[in-house]
C-alpha atoms as a PDB file:
ATOM      1  CA  MET A   1      69.503  -2.761  53.725  1.00  0.00           C
ATOM      2  CA  LYS A   2      72.202  -2.871  51.850  1.00  0.00           C
ATOM      3  CA  TYR A   3      74.477  -5.344  50.920  1.00  0.00           C
ATOM      4  CA  LYS A   4      77.627  -5.716  49.243  1.00  0.00           C
ATOM      5  CA  VAL A   5      80.561  -8.849  48.357  1.00  0.00           C
ATOM      6  CA  HIS A   6      84.200  -8.084  48.436  1.00  0.00           C
ATOM      7  CA  LYS A   7      86.686 -10.326  47.506  1.00  0.00           C
ATOM      8  CA  LEU A   8      89.880 -10.918  48.781  1.00  0.00           C
ATOM      9  CA  ASN A   9      92.968 -12.930  47.439  1.00  0.00           C
ATOM     10  CA  VAL A  10      94.868 -14.407  50.200  1.00  0.00           C
ATOM     11  CA  LYS A  11      96.300 -17.292  51.078  1.00  0.00           C
ATOM     12  CA  LEU A  12      95.438 -17.912  54.038  1.00  0.00           C
ATOM     13  CA  GLY A  13      98.264 -19.731  55.686  1.00  0.00           C
ATOM     14  CA  ARG A  14     100.583 -17.353  54.938  1.00  0.00           C
ATOM     15  CA  GLU A  15      98.514 -12.956  54.743  1.00  0.00           C
ATOM     16  CA  SER A  16      96.328 -14.212  58.129  1.00  0.00           C
ATOM     17  CA  ASP A  17      97.248 -11.393  58.999  1.00  0.00           C
ATOM     18  CA  VAL A  18      96.103  -9.637  55.532  1.00  0.00           C
ATOM     19  CA  LEU A  19      92.353 -11.315  56.098  1.00  0.00           C
ATOM     20  CA  GLU A  20      92.720 -10.310  59.850  1.00  0.00           C
ATOM     21  CA  ASP A  21      93.299  -5.858  58.503  1.00  0.00           C
ATOM     22  CA  PHE A  22      90.607  -6.354  55.874  1.00  0.00           C
ATOM     23  CA  LEU A  23      87.970  -7.233  58.320  1.00  0.00           C
ATOM     24  CA  ASN A  24      89.047  -4.055  61.086  1.00  0.00           C
ATOM     25  CA  ASN A  25      88.725  -1.575  58.088  1.00  0.00           C
ATOM     26  CA  LEU A  26      84.428  -2.228  57.080  1.00  0.00           C
ATOM     27  CA  LYS A  27      82.672   0.048  57.870  1.00  0.00           C
ATOM     28  CA  GLY A  28      78.910  -2.637  58.366  1.00  0.00           C
ATOM     29  CA  GLU A  29      78.833  -5.667  59.819  1.00  0.00           C
ATOM     30  CA  VAL A  30      80.198  -9.282  58.131  1.00  0.00           C
ATOM     31  CA  ILE A  31      77.453 -10.784  56.772  1.00  0.00           C
ATOM     32  CA  ALA A  32      79.123 -14.097  55.703  1.00  0.00           C
ATOM     33  CA  ILE A  33      82.984 -15.405  55.060  1.00  0.00           C
ATOM     34  CA  ILE A  34      82.540 -18.371  52.285  1.00  0.00           C
ATOM     35  CA  PRO A  35      86.002 -19.349  50.859  1.00  0.00           C
ATOM     36  CA  ASN A  36      86.569 -20.479  47.834  1.00  0.00           C
ATOM     37  CA  VAL A  37      87.816 -23.760  47.776  1.00  0.00           C
ATOM     38  CA  THR A  38      89.788 -25.881  45.189  1.00  0.00           C
ATOM     39  CA  THR A  39      90.399 -30.020  45.150  1.00  0.00           C
ATOM     40  CA  LEU A  40      93.145 -30.802  44.189  1.00  0.00           C
ATOM     41  CA  PHE A  41      95.093 -34.820  43.785  1.00  0.00           C
ATOM     42  CA  LEU A  42      92.871 -37.295  45.543  1.00  0.00           C
ATOM     43  CA  CYS A  43      95.955 -37.307  48.166  1.00  0.00           C
ATOM     44  CA  TYR A  44      96.872 -33.524  47.945  1.00  0.00           C
ATOM     45  CA  GLY A  45      93.743 -32.639  49.926  1.00  0.00           C
ATOM     46  CA  ALA A  46      92.537 -28.527  49.052  1.00  0.00           C
ATOM     47  CA  LYS A  47      93.675 -24.575  48.268  1.00  0.00           C
ATOM     48  CA  VAL A  48      92.556 -22.115  48.627  1.00  0.00           C
ATOM     49  CA  ASN A  49      91.892 -19.689  46.411  1.00  0.00           C
ATOM     50  CA  SER A  50      90.499 -16.052  47.726  1.00  0.00           C
ATOM     51  CA  ILE A  51      87.279 -15.381  50.149  1.00  0.00           C
ATOM     52  CA  SER A  52      84.540 -14.173  49.963  1.00  0.00           C
ATOM     53  CA  ILE A  53      83.368 -11.715  52.634  1.00  0.00           C
ATOM     54  CA  VAL A  54      79.433 -10.860  52.535  1.00  0.00           C
ATOM     55  CA  GLU A  55      78.590  -7.442  54.201  1.00  0.00           C
ATOM     56  CA  LYS A  56      75.711  -5.379  54.680  1.00  0.00           C
ATOM     57  CA  ILE A  57      75.625  -1.760  55.180  1.00  0.00           C
ATOM     58  CA  LYS A  58      73.328   0.547  56.547  1.00  0.00           C
END
């Protein structure tokens, strides 16, 4: 089995359609979706910069 890792730069609050289109166009099976989260100041929470998507290719 071969695996391929894709990196998608999105802001989840505004670009959910981009993520949906990307996932629908994959040819293999999605194994994992891993967000890259950076923390802001203590009272402001966190922000997602990019998403890594692991795809299993046949």
